[in-house]
Amino acid sequence: MKDSTVNPLPNPPRVDRPGPALVACGLWLRAAVVGASGFAAGLIQLVDDGMKPLSALTLAIGGGALAVVSWWRARAALDPAAEPARGNRPDRVQAPRVCPGSNPI
């Protein structure tokens, strides 16, 4: 016995291909994992004395920066509010109006 009130959509629509935003998010997350690994490796090298301190510090700071920026970009790739609306963007920037008789400088 089929009851349409229990299951209003018996066959939900299939999504064959992920959207470009999802692909971009996945690529940014992969870059974030690489950055987090570099950050961890830099911290380990700082404690372990396996590298020069400046090289290990550079690796840790660079990896941490890559991880933070990549996670931020991955989130922005999926957030539709982060994109500027096409209709709200002016085609050109207008200069501010100056009152007649006043010195603009």
PDB file of N, CA and C in Angstrom:
ATOM      1  N   MET A   1       0.837  -1.170   0.000  1.00  0.00           N
ATOM      2  CA  MET A   1       0.000   0.000   0.000  1.00  0.00           C
ATOM      3  C   MET A   1       0.882   1.232   0.000  1.00  0.00           C
ATOM      4  N   LYS A   2       0.659   2.117  -0.956  1.00  0.00           N
ATOM      5  CA  LYS A   2       1.432   3.354  -1.039  1.00  0.00           C
ATOM      6  C   LYS A   2       0.638   4.484  -0.412  1.00  0.00           C
ATOM      7  N   ASP A   3       1.309   5.237   0.424  1.00  0.00           N
ATOM      8  CA  ASP A   3       0.676   6.401   1.026  1.00  0.00           C
ATOM      9  C   ASP A   3       1.496   7.618   0.622  1.00  0.00           C
ATOM     10  N   SER A   4       0.915   8.485  -0.175  1.00  0.00           N
ATOM     11  CA  SER A   4       1.660   9.627  -0.688  1.00  0.00           C
ATOM     12  C   SER A   4       1.925  10.682   0.383  1.00  0.00           C
ATOM     13  N   THR A   5       1.193  10.655   1.485  1.00  0.00           N
ATOM     14  CA  THR A   5       1.453  11.642   2.535  1.00  0.00           C
ATOM     15  C   THR A   5       2.705  11.301   3.322  1.00  0.00           C
ATOM     16  N   VAL A   6       3.070  10.033   3.376  1.00  0.00           N
ATOM     17  CA  VAL A   6       4.270   9.635   4.102  1.00  0.00           C
ATOM     18  C   VAL A   6       5.510   9.924   3.275  1.00  0.00           C
ATOM     19  N   ASN A   7       5.473   9.645   2.004  1.00  0.00           N
ATOM     20  CA  ASN A   7       6.619   9.831   1.127  1.00  0.00           C
ATOM     21  C   ASN A   7       6.180  10.639  -0.089  1.00  0.00           C
ATOM     22  N   PRO A   8       6.180  11.971   0.014  1.00  0.00           N
ATOM     23  CA  PRO A   8       5.693  12.765  -1.114  1.00  0.00           C
ATOM     24  C   PRO A   8       6.603  12.694  -2.339  1.00  0.00           C
ATOM     25  N   LEU A   9       7.879  12.418  -2.153  1.00  0.00           N
ATOM     26  CA  LEU A   9       8.806  12.307  -3.287  1.00  0.00           C
ATOM     27  C   LEU A   9       9.404  10.905  -3.291  1.00  0.00           C
ATOM     28  N   PRO A  10       8.743   9.946  -3.919  1.00  0.00           N
ATOM     29  CA  PRO A  10       9.279   8.585  -3.883  1.00  0.00           C
ATOM     30  C   PRO A  10      10.602   8.453  -4.629  1.00  0.00           C
ATOM     31  N   ASN A  11      10.794   9.239  -5.667  1.00  0.00           N
ATOM     32  CA  ASN A  11      12.043   9.202  -6.418  1.00  0.00           C
ATOM     33  C   ASN A  11      12.666  10.597  -6.396  1.00  0.00           C
ATOM     34  N   PRO A  12      13.556  10.860  -5.426  1.00  0.00           N
ATOM     35  CA  PRO A  12      14.164  12.191  -5.391  1.00  0.00           C
ATOM     36  C   PRO A  12      15.052  12.413  -6.610  1.00  0.00           C
ATOM     37  N   PRO A  13      15.179  13.651  -7.044  1.00  0.00           N
ATOM     38  CA  PRO A  13      16.014  13.917  -8.225  1.00  0.00           C
ATOM     39  C   PRO A  13      17.480  13.601  -7.934  1.00  0.00           C
ATOM     40  N   ARG A  14      18.139  12.992  -8.917  1.00  0.00           N
ATOM     41  CA  ARG A  14      19.554  12.650  -8.779  1.00  0.00           C
ATOM     42  C   ARG A  14      20.425  13.801  -9.233  1.00  0.00           C
ATOM     43  N   VAL A  15      21.506  13.942  -8.541  1.00  0.00           N
ATOM     44  CA  VAL A  15      22.508  14.922  -8.938  1.00  0.00           C
ATOM     45  C   VAL A  15      23.710  14.124  -9.428  1.00  0.00           C
ATOM     46  N   ASP A  16      23.929  14.146 -10.732  1.00  0.00           N
ATOM     47  CA  ASP A  16      24.997  13.340 -11.320  1.00  0.00           C
ATOM     48  C   ASP A  16      26.369  13.958 -11.111  1.00  0.00           C
ATOM     49  N   ARG A  17      26.460  15.268 -11.248  1.00  0.00           N
ATOM     50  CA  ARG A  17      27.758  15.925 -11.151  1.00  0.00           C
ATOM     51  C   ARG A  17      27.716  16.954 -10.034  1.00  0.00           C
ATOM     52  N   PRO A  18      28.778  17.042  -9.255  1.00  0.00           N
ATOM     53  CA  PRO A  18      28.812  18.079  -8.235  1.00  0.00           C
ATOM     54  C   PRO A  18      28.977  19.447  -8.892  1.00  0.00           C
ATOM     55  N   GLY A  19      28.492  20.438  -8.221  1.00  0.00           N
ATOM     56  CA  GLY A  19      28.599  21.788  -8.747  1.00  0.00           C
ATOM     57  C   GLY A  19      30.026  22.299  -8.688  1.00  0.00           C
ATOM     58  N   PRO A  20      30.326  23.350  -9.422  1.00  0.00           N
ATOM     59  CA  PRO A  20      31.685  23.896  -9.403  1.00  0.00           C
ATOM     60  C   PRO A  20      32.074  24.420  -8.028  1.00  0.00           C
ATOM     61  N   ALA A  21      31.108  24.877  -7.244  1.00  0.00           N
ATOM     62  CA  ALA A  21      31.436  25.367  -5.906  1.00  0.00           C
ATOM     63  C   ALA A  21      31.904  24.230  -5.009  1.00  0.00           C
ATOM     64  N   LEU A  22      31.292  23.067  -5.161  1.00  0.00           N
ATOM     65  CA  LEU A  22      31.687  21.915  -4.357  1.00  0.00           C
ATOM     66  C   LEU A  22      33.079  21.424  -4.745  1.00  0.00           C
ATOM     67  N   VAL A  23      33.382  21.444  -6.024  1.00  0.00           N
ATOM     68  CA  VAL A  23      34.717  21.037  -6.489  1.00  0.00           C
ATOM     69  C   VAL A  23      35.769  22.024  -5.973  1.00  0.00           C
ATOM     70  N   ALA A  24      35.474  23.315  -6.057  1.00  0.00           N
ATOM     71  CA  ALA A  24      36.422  24.323  -5.555  1.00  0.00           C
ATOM     72  C   ALA A  24      36.634  24.169  -4.051  1.00  0.00           C
ATOM     73  N   CYS A  25      35.554  23.894  -3.331  1.00  0.00           N
ATOM     74  CA  CYS A  25      35.675  23.692  -1.887  1.00  0.00           C
ATOM     75  C   CYS A  25      36.577  22.502  -1.573  1.00  0.00           C
ATOM     76  N   GLY A  26      36.395  21.419  -2.314  1.00  0.00           N
ATOM     77  CA  GLY A  26      37.231  20.236  -2.102  1.00  0.00           C
ATOM     78  C   GLY A  26      38.702  20.495  -2.377  1.00  0.00           C
ATOM     79  N   LEU A  27      38.985  21.257  -3.420  1.00  0.00           N
ATOM     80  CA  LEU A  27      40.388  21.572  -3.724  1.00  0.00           C
ATOM     81  C   LEU A  27      40.997  22.468  -2.658  1.00  0.00           C
ATOM     82  N   TRP A  28      40.223  23.448  -2.172  1.00  0.00           N
ATOM     83  CA  TRP A  28      40.733  24.312  -1.111  1.00  0.00           C
ATOM     84  C   TRP A  28      40.953  23.532   0.179  1.00  0.00           C
ATOM     85  N   LEU A  29      40.080  22.560   0.464  1.00  0.00           N
ATOM     86  CA  LEU A  29      40.269  21.751   1.667  1.00  0.00           C
ATOM     87  C   LEU A  29      41.505  20.868   1.557  1.00  0.00           C
ATOM     88  N   ARG A  30      41.803  20.400   0.357  1.00  0.00           N
ATOM     89  CA  ARG A  30      43.046  19.632   0.183  1.00  0.00           C
ATOM     90  C   ARG A  30      44.270  20.513   0.435  1.00  0.00           C
ATOM     91  N   ALA A  31      44.227  21.742  -0.043  1.00  0.00           N
ATOM     92  CA  ALA A  31      45.331  22.666   0.220  1.00  0.00           C
ATOM     93  C   ALA A  31      45.434  22.974   1.710  1.00  0.00           C
ATOM     94  N   ALA A  32      44.302  23.025   2.394  1.00  0.00           N
ATOM     95  CA  ALA A  32      44.314  23.281   3.834  1.00  0.00           C
ATOM     96  C   ALA A  32      44.958  22.127   4.594  1.00  0.00           C
ATOM     97  N   VAL A  33      44.716  20.902   4.154  1.00  0.00           N
ATOM     98  CA  VAL A  33      45.343  19.747   4.799  1.00  0.00           C
ATOM     99  C   VAL A  33      46.855  19.777   4.585  1.00  0.00           C
ATOM    100  N   VAL A  34      47.281  20.168   3.402  1.00  0.00           N
ATOM    101  CA  VAL A  34      48.717  20.295   3.136  1.00  0.00           C
ATOM    102  C   VAL A  34      49.323  21.359   4.049  1.00  0.00           C
ATOM    103  N   GLY A  35      48.631  22.485   4.205  1.00  0.00           N
ATOM    104  CA  GLY A  35      49.122  23.539   5.086  1.00  0.00           C
ATOM    105  C   GLY A  35      49.172  23.107   6.539  1.00  0.00           C
ATOM    106  N   ALA A  36      48.144  22.385   6.995  1.00  0.00           N
ATOM    107  CA  ALA A  36      48.141  21.906   8.374  1.00  0.00           C
ATOM    108  C   ALA A  36      49.263  20.899   8.606  1.00  0.00           C
ATOM    109  N   SER A  37      49.556  20.082   7.606  1.00  0.00           N
ATOM    110  CA  SER A  37      50.668  19.137   7.722  1.00  0.00           C
ATOM    111  C   SER A  37      52.003  19.872   7.790  1.00  0.00           C
ATOM    112  N   GLY A  38      52.151  20.910   6.989  1.00  0.00           N
ATOM    113  CA  GLY A  38      53.374  21.720   7.052  1.00  0.00           C
ATOM    114  C   GLY A  38      53.523  22.413   8.393  1.00  0.00           C
ATOM    115  N   PHE A  39      52.422  22.899   8.929  1.00  0.00           N
ATOM    116  CA  PHE A  39      52.454  23.538  10.249  1.00  0.00           C
ATOM    117  C   PHE A  39      52.893  22.542  11.321  1.00  0.00           C
ATOM    118  N   ALA A  40      52.306  21.340  11.295  1.00  0.00           N
ATOM    119  CA  ALA A  40      52.673  20.316  12.276  1.00  0.00           C
ATOM    120  C   ALA A  40      54.134  19.895  12.119  1.00  0.00           C
ATOM    121  N   ALA A  41      54.571  19.741  10.872  1.00  0.00           N
ATOM    122  CA  ALA A  41      55.968  19.355  10.643  1.00  0.00           C
ATOM    123  C   ALA A  41      56.922  20.438  11.130  1.00  0.00           C
ATOM    124  N   GLY A  42      56.564  21.699  10.917  1.00  0.00           N
ATOM    125  CA  GLY A  42      57.408  22.792  11.400  1.00  0.00           C
ATOM    126  C   GLY A  42      57.497  22.819  12.911  1.00  0.00           C
ATOM    127  N   LEU A  43      56.370  22.576  13.585  1.00  0.00           N
ATOM    128  CA  LEU A  43      56.403  22.543  15.051  1.00  0.00           C
ATOM    129  C   LEU A  43      57.225  21.373  15.567  1.00  0.00           C
ATOM    130  N   ILE A  44      57.101  20.231  14.926  1.00  0.00           N
ATOM    131  CA  ILE A  44      57.888  19.062  15.339  1.00  0.00           C
ATOM    132  C   ILE A  44      59.374  19.334  15.148  1.00  0.00           C
ATOM    133  N   GLN A  45      59.735  19.954  14.032  1.00  0.00           N
ATOM    134  CA  GLN A  45      61.145  20.249  13.774  1.00  0.00           C
ATOM    135  C   GLN A  45      61.689  21.300  14.750  1.00  0.00           C
ATOM    136  N   LEU A  46      60.830  22.221  15.184  1.00  0.00           N
ATOM    137  CA  LEU A  46      61.271  23.197  16.179  1.00  0.00           C
ATOM    138  C   LEU A  46      61.617  22.525  17.502  1.00  0.00           C
ATOM    139  N   VAL A  47      60.845  21.532  17.896  1.00  0.00           N
ATOM    140  CA  VAL A  47      61.067  20.845  19.167  1.00  0.00           C
ATOM    141  C   VAL A  47      62.177  19.819  19.042  1.00  0.00           C
ATOM    142  N   ASP A  48      62.295  19.172  17.892  1.00  0.00           N
ATOM    143  CA  ASP A  48      63.196  18.041  17.709  1.00  0.00           C
ATOM    144  C   ASP A  48      64.629  18.444  17.383  1.00  0.00           C
ATOM    145  N   ASP A  49      64.903  19.664  17.047  1.00  0.00           N
ATOM    146  CA  ASP A  49      66.232  20.135  16.646  1.00  0.00           C
ATOM    147  C   ASP A  49      66.758  19.419  15.404  1.00  0.00           C
ATOM    148  N   GLY A  50      65.873  19.024  14.499  1.00  0.00           N
ATOM    149  CA  GLY A  50      66.294  18.347  13.278  1.00  0.00           C
ATOM    150  C   GLY A  50      66.663  19.332  12.177  1.00  0.00           C
ATOM    151  N   MET A  51      66.161  20.552  12.265  1.00  0.00           N
ATOM    152  CA  MET A  51      66.426  21.582  11.262  1.00  0.00           C
ATOM    153  C   MET A  51      66.931  22.825  11.965  1.00  0.00           C
ATOM    154  N   LYS A  52      67.364  23.754  11.159  1.00  0.00           N
ATOM    155  CA  LYS A  52      67.709  25.047  11.731  1.00  0.00           C
ATOM    156  C   LYS A  52      66.431  25.712  12.220  1.00  0.00           C
ATOM    157  N   PRO A  53      66.500  26.451  13.311  1.00  0.00           N
ATOM    158  CA  PRO A  53      65.270  27.039  13.863  1.00  0.00           C
ATOM    159  C   PRO A  53      64.549  27.966  12.893  1.00  0.00           C
ATOM    160  N   LEU A  54      65.289  28.727  12.098  1.00  0.00           N
ATOM    161  CA  LEU A  54      64.639  29.641  11.171  1.00  0.00           C
ATOM    162  C   LEU A  54      63.877  28.884  10.078  1.00  0.00           C
ATOM    163  N   SER A  55      64.445  27.798   9.589  1.00  0.00           N
ATOM    164  CA  SER A  55      63.765  26.988   8.573  1.00  0.00           C
ATOM    165  C   SER A  55      62.507  26.337   9.137  1.00  0.00           C
ATOM    166  N   ALA A  56      62.593  25.820  10.351  1.00  0.00           N
ATOM    167  CA  ALA A  56      61.432  25.183  10.971  1.00  0.00           C
ATOM    168  C   ALA A  56      60.342  26.210  11.264  1.00  0.00           C
ATOM    169  N   LEU A  57      60.743  27.391  11.703  1.00  0.00           N
ATOM    170  CA  LEU A  57      59.768  28.444  11.989  1.00  0.00           C
ATOM    171  C   LEU A  57      59.094  28.912  10.697  1.00  0.00           C
ATOM    172  N   THR A  58      59.869  29.021   9.625  1.00  0.00           N
ATOM    173  CA  THR A  58      59.307  29.401   8.331  1.00  0.00           C
ATOM    174  C   THR A  58      58.309  28.354   7.842  1.00  0.00           C
ATOM    175  N   LEU A  59      58.646  27.081   8.010  1.00  0.00           N
ATOM    176  CA  LEU A  59      57.745  26.004   7.613  1.00  0.00           C
ATOM    177  C   LEU A  59      56.454  26.037   8.433  1.00  0.00           C
ATOM    178  N   ALA A  60      56.572  26.276   9.732  1.00  0.00           N
ATOM    179  CA  ALA A  60      55.386  26.313  10.592  1.00  0.00           C
ATOM    180  C   ALA A  60      54.499  27.517  10.254  1.00  0.00           C
ATOM    181  N   ILE A  61      55.099  28.675  10.075  1.00  0.00           N
ATOM    182  CA  ILE A  61      54.304  29.878   9.780  1.00  0.00           C
ATOM    183  C   ILE A  61      53.675  29.780   8.390  1.00  0.00           C
ATOM    184  N   GLY A  62      54.434  29.326   7.416  1.00  0.00           N
ATOM    185  CA  GLY A  62      53.896  29.180   6.060  1.00  0.00           C
ATOM    186  C   GLY A  62      52.790  28.141   5.990  1.00  0.00           C
ATOM    187  N   GLY A  63      52.977  27.010   6.657  1.00  0.00           N
ATOM    188  CA  GLY A  63      51.942  25.983   6.679  1.00  0.00           C
ATOM    189  C   GLY A  63      50.689  26.448   7.395  1.00  0.00           C
ATOM    190  N   GLY A  64      50.869  27.153   8.504  1.00  0.00           N
ATOM    191  CA  GLY A  64      49.712  27.674   9.230  1.00  0.00           C
ATOM    192  C   GLY A  64      48.951  28.708   8.416  1.00  0.00           C
ATOM    193  N   ALA A  65      49.677  29.575   7.739  1.00  0.00           N
ATOM    194  CA  ALA A  65      49.016  30.588   6.908  1.00  0.00           C
ATOM    195  C   ALA A  65      48.268  29.935   5.751  1.00  0.00           C
ATOM    196  N   LEU A  66      48.873  28.924   5.119  1.00  0.00           N
ATOM    197  CA  LEU A  66      48.202  28.216   4.033  1.00  0.00           C
ATOM    198  C   LEU A  66      46.944  27.521   4.530  1.00  0.00           C
ATOM    199  N   ALA A  67      47.013  26.916   5.706  1.00  0.00           N
ATOM    200  CA  ALA A  67      45.845  26.219   6.248  1.00  0.00           C
ATOM    201  C   ALA A  67      44.709  27.190   6.539  1.00  0.00           C
ATOM    202  N   VAL A  68      45.021  28.311   7.172  1.00  0.00           N
ATOM    203  CA  VAL A  68      43.976  29.277   7.526  1.00  0.00           C
ATOM    204  C   VAL A  68      43.331  29.872   6.274  1.00  0.00           C
ATOM    205  N   VAL A  69      44.146  30.302   5.332  1.00  0.00           N
ATOM    206  CA  VAL A  69      43.615  30.920   4.115  1.00  0.00           C
ATOM    207  C   VAL A  69      42.815  29.899   3.292  1.00  0.00           C
ATOM    208  N   SER A  70      43.295  28.675   3.228  1.00  0.00           N
ATOM    209  CA  SER A  70      42.590  27.654   2.440  1.00  0.00           C
ATOM    210  C   SER A  70      41.256  27.287   3.069  1.00  0.00           C
ATOM    211  N   TRP A  71      41.202  27.167   4.394  1.00  0.00           N
ATOM    212  CA  TRP A  71      39.928  26.869   5.037  1.00  0.00           C
ATOM    213  C   TRP A  71      38.953  28.029   4.849  1.00  0.00           C
ATOM    214  N   TRP A  72      39.460  29.238   4.908  1.00  0.00           N
ATOM    215  CA  TRP A  72      38.599  30.408   4.696  1.00  0.00           C
ATOM    216  C   TRP A  72      38.050  30.418   3.264  1.00  0.00           C
ATOM    217  N   ARG A  73      38.916  30.121   2.292  1.00  0.00           N
ATOM    218  CA  ARG A  73      38.474  30.104   0.900  1.00  0.00           C
ATOM    219  C   ARG A  73      37.509  28.944   0.618  1.00  0.00           C
ATOM    220  N   ALA A  74      37.715  27.795   1.280  1.00  0.00           N
ATOM    221  CA  ALA A  74      36.798  26.667   1.095  1.00  0.00           C
ATOM    222  C   ALA A  74      35.417  27.011   1.615  1.00  0.00           C
ATOM    223  N   ARG A  75      35.359  27.679   2.736  1.00  0.00           N
ATOM    224  CA  ARG A  75      34.059  28.084   3.281  1.00  0.00           C
ATOM    225  C   ARG A  75      33.409  29.144   2.390  1.00  0.00           C
ATOM    226  N   ALA A  76      34.202  30.059   1.886  1.00  0.00           N
ATOM    227  CA  ALA A  76      33.661  31.105   1.017  1.00  0.00           C
ATOM    228  C   ALA A  76      33.188  30.533  -0.313  1.00  0.00           C
ATOM    229  N   ALA A  77      33.779  29.429  -0.762  1.00  0.00           N
ATOM    230  CA  ALA A  77      33.359  28.823  -2.025  1.00  0.00           C
ATOM    231  C   ALA A  77      31.948  28.253  -1.928  1.00  0.00           C
ATOM    232  N   LEU A  78      31.561  27.806  -0.747  1.00  0.00           N
ATOM    233  CA  LEU A  78      30.227  27.235  -0.571  1.00  0.00           C
ATOM    234  C   LEU A  78      29.191  28.241  -0.099  1.00  0.00           C
ATOM    235  N   ASP A  79      29.628  29.409   0.347  1.00  0.00           N
ATOM    236  CA  ASP A  79      28.705  30.391   0.911  1.00  0.00           C
ATOM    237  C   ASP A  79      28.177  31.290  -0.201  1.00  0.00           C
ATOM    238  N   PRO A  80      26.894  31.203  -0.534  1.00  0.00           N
ATOM    239  CA  PRO A  80      26.377  32.057  -1.613  1.00  0.00           C
ATOM    240  C   PRO A  80      26.309  33.529  -1.215  1.00  0.00           C
ATOM    241  N   ALA A  81      26.289  33.825   0.078  1.00  0.00           N
ATOM    242  CA  ALA A  81      26.243  35.221   0.513  1.00  0.00           C
ATOM    243  C   ALA A  81      27.589  35.909   0.341  1.00  0.00           C
ATOM    244  N   ALA A  82      28.656  35.140   0.194  1.00  0.00           N
ATOM    245  CA  ALA A  82      29.978  35.738   0.043  1.00  0.00           C
ATOM    246  C   ALA A  82      30.193  36.318  -1.350  1.00  0.00           C
ATOM    247  N   GLU A  83      29.433  35.822  -2.333  1.00  0.00           N
ATOM    248  CA  GLU A  83      29.576  36.334  -3.692  1.00  0.00           C
ATOM    249  C   GLU A  83      28.801  37.638  -3.838  1.00  0.00           C
ATOM    250  N   PRO A  84      29.343  38.611  -4.517  1.00  0.00           N
ATOM    251  CA  PRO A  84      28.567  39.837  -4.744  1.00  0.00           C
ATOM    252  C   PRO A  84      27.438  39.571  -5.727  1.00  0.00           C
ATOM    253  N   ALA A  85      26.308  40.168  -5.470  1.00  0.00           N
ATOM    254  CA  ALA A  85      25.169  40.010  -6.369  1.00  0.00           C
ATOM    255  C   ALA A  85      25.459  40.735  -7.678  1.00  0.00           C
ATOM    256  N   ARG A  86      25.134  40.121  -8.779  1.00  0.00           N
ATOM    257  CA  ARG A  86      25.450  40.713 -10.073  1.00  0.00           C
ATOM    258  C   ARG A  86      24.629  41.965 -10.339  1.00  0.00           C
ATOM    259  N   GLY A  87      23.417  42.031  -9.828  1.00  0.00           N
ATOM    260  CA  GLY A  87      22.575  43.188 -10.091  1.00  0.00           C
ATOM    261  C   GLY A  87      22.921  44.388  -9.225  1.00  0.00           C
ATOM    262  N   ASN A  88      23.567  44.160  -8.101  1.00  0.00           N
ATOM    263  CA  ASN A  88      23.870  45.249  -7.176  1.00  0.00           C
ATOM    264  C   ASN A  88      25.217  45.908  -7.438  1.00  0.00           C
ATOM    265  N   ARG A  89      25.986  45.367  -8.352  1.00  0.00           N
ATOM    266  CA  ARG A  89      27.325  45.880  -8.590  1.00  0.00           C
ATOM    267  C   ARG A  89      27.289  46.978  -9.646  1.00  0.00           C
ATOM    268  N   PRO A  90      27.783  48.169  -9.339  1.00  0.00           N
ATOM    269  CA  PRO A  90      27.785  49.217 -10.368  1.00  0.00           C
ATOM    270  C   PRO A  90      28.831  48.932 -11.442  1.00  0.00           C
ATOM    271  N   ASP A  91      28.545  49.379 -12.647  1.00  0.00           N
ATOM    272  CA  ASP A  91      29.481  49.163 -13.750  1.00  0.00           C
ATOM    273  C   ASP A  91      30.704  50.062 -13.642  1.00  0.00           C
ATOM    274  N   ARG A  92      30.525  51.209 -13.074  1.00  0.00           N
ATOM    275  CA  ARG A  92      31.655  52.123 -12.928  1.00  0.00           C
ATOM    276  C   ARG A  92      31.532  52.848 -11.596  1.00  0.00           C
ATOM    277  N   VAL A  93      32.651  53.296 -11.099  1.00  0.00           N
ATOM    278  CA  VAL A  93      32.670  54.009  -9.831  1.00  0.00           C
ATOM    279  C   VAL A  93      32.494  55.486 -10.118  1.00  0.00           C
ATOM    280  N   GLN A  94      31.581  56.116  -9.417  1.00  0.00           N
ATOM    281  CA  GLN A  94      31.344  57.535  -9.621  1.00  0.00           C
ATOM    282  C   GLN A  94      32.105  58.339  -8.573  1.00  0.00           C
ATOM    283  N   ALA A  95      32.644  59.445  -9.012  1.00  0.00           N
ATOM    284  CA  ALA A  95      33.360  60.329  -8.102  1.00  0.00           C
ATOM    285  C   ALA A  95      32.345  61.076  -7.239  1.00  0.00           C
ATOM    286  N   PRO A  96      32.717  61.428  -6.022  1.00  0.00           N
ATOM    287  CA  PRO A  96      31.785  62.180  -5.182  1.00  0.00           C
ATOM    288  C   PRO A  96      31.528  63.570  -5.768  1.00  0.00           C
ATOM    289  N   ARG A  97      30.312  64.049  -5.601  1.00  0.00           N
ATOM    290  CA  ARG A  97      29.950  65.362  -6.132  1.00  0.00           C
ATOM    291  C   ARG A  97      30.502  66.461  -5.229  1.00  0.00           C
ATOM    292  N   VAL A  98      30.893  67.534  -5.872  1.00  0.00           N
ATOM    293  CA  VAL A  98      31.441  68.669  -5.149  1.00  0.00           C
ATOM    294  C   VAL A  98      30.461  69.837  -5.321  1.00  0.00           C
ATOM    295  N   CYS A  99      30.223  70.541  -4.241  1.00  0.00           N
ATOM    296  CA  CYS A  99      29.318  71.692  -4.307  1.00  0.00           C
ATOM    297  C   CYS A  99      29.930  72.776  -5.190  1.00  0.00           C
ATOM    298  N   PRO A 100      29.115  73.499  -5.992  1.00  0.00           N
ATOM    299  CA  PRO A 100      29.670  74.566  -6.824  1.00  0.00           C
ATOM    300  C   PRO A 100      30.235  75.668  -5.952  1.00  0.00           C
ATOM    301  N   GLY A 101      31.373  76.168  -6.348  1.00  0.00           N
ATOM    302  CA  GLY A 101      32.011  77.263  -5.621  1.00  0.00           C
ATOM    303  C   GLY A 101      32.892  76.809  -4.467  1.00  0.00           C
ATOM    304  N   SER A 102      32.958  75.495  -4.182  1.00  0.00           N
ATOM    305  CA  SER A 102      33.810  75.044  -3.074  1.00  0.00           C
ATOM    306  C   SER A 102      35.118  74.508  -3.653  1.00  0.00           C
ATOM    307  N   ASN A 103      36.128  74.489  -2.838  1.00  0.00           N
ATOM    308  CA  ASN A 103      37.435  73.993  -3.234  1.00  0.00           C
ATOM    309  C   ASN A 103      37.493  72.506  -2.928  1.00  0.00           C
ATOM    310  N   PRO A 104      37.632  71.640  -3.936  1.00  0.00           N
ATOM    311  CA  PRO A 104      37.617  70.196  -3.665  1.00  0.00           C
ATOM    312  C   PRO A 104      38.852  69.729  -2.941  1.00  0.00           C
ATOM    313  N   ILE A 105      39.923  70.507  -2.921  1.00  0.00           N
ATOM    314  CA  ILE A 105      41.159  70.058  -2.265  1.00  0.00           C
ATOM    315  C   ILE A 105      41.321  70.708  -0.939  1.00  0.00           C
TER     316      ILE A 105
END
